[in-house]
Amino acid sequence: MPATPLEVENLSAGYGPTRVLEGISFSVPSGARLAVLGRNGMGKTTLLATLAGQTKRYDGTIRIGGADVTAMPSASRARKGLGYVPQARCIFPTLTVEENLFVGLKGRPKSALEEAYGMFPRLKERRRNLGNQLSGGEQQMLSTARTILGRPSVLLLDEPLEGLAPVICEELMAAFAELAKTGDMTILLVEQRIQSALDFADHVIVLERGRLAWAGTPKALSDDHAAVERLLGVGGLH
C-alpha cells in the first residue's frame, strides 16, 4: 500500500469524561515525516492513540488518503493502512521472534520476513528466541518490524527510543530513516529525544496542554530559541 496523506481537523479527544486534546488540526503529505514534540503529559501519546482509534473522540475528523476514518474502529483503520507502534512494546512474550513476525504478515508470503530481517539484522540472529528473552531494544525492533511487515501507508511511532541504549537508538533511527527514504510510508514520530526527532522529520508540531502550540520545519524550531525554551524546556539544541 503506497503512502497516503493524513489529515486531522479540529480533533478533540480523551479518556472517559477527561479531555486531553482540544481542537487540533494538521495535515501530513504522502511520504512525509512529522515529529510530534512537547513536554511530558501534553497529549502526544493521546494524539497517536486517538489516530489509532483507541481513545474517546469528542469532536473532529480524521482522514487517511482522503477517506474519513473518524468513526471506524481500530481494526478497520488498520485495514485502511494505519500502522501503530505504541509506547508499550506490544509483543507476544511466549512466541519466538519469527512467530511474532508471522502475525504481522497479514497474508503476505513467509519470504516477506526477509524485509524485517534486512531492516533489523539483530532479529534474524534472535529469530528462535522467545519474546520475553529479548532486551528492551530488541523488543522495540520486533514490535516495529511486525507493524511494518503489514505495509501500512501511515505509520505511527510512539517514543520508540524510550529507555534504550544509545547504540540501539542509532540503529532504530537509521532503520526509520531508510524506511522514510522509500517514500512508501507517511510517518508520525513522537519522541522525547528532541534532536533525534528533528534530524528525522521534515515537519514538526509541538503540543502544549493538549493544544497545537507550534508548527513548522525542524530548522525553524531549532532557530526559535524562545519557543524551544517555553514549549520543550531545553535551552538549546545541538
Foldseek 3Di string as FASTA:
>chain_A
DFAWKKWKAQWWWAADPDIQAGGATDIFGQLFEEEEEFAPSQCPLVVLCQLLQNTGTDDIFIDTNNHTCNPPHNVVVVVVQEFECHPPLDFDQAQFLLVRLVQLQVPPDSVLVVVLCVLPVVCVVRRRPGLVVDDLLVSLSSSVSSRCNNQGSEYEAEASCPPHDPVSVVSVLVSVQVVSVVSRHYYYYYHLPLVSSLVRGQKYWYGGSNYTDDIDGSVVVQVPQVCCCVTNVDRHDD
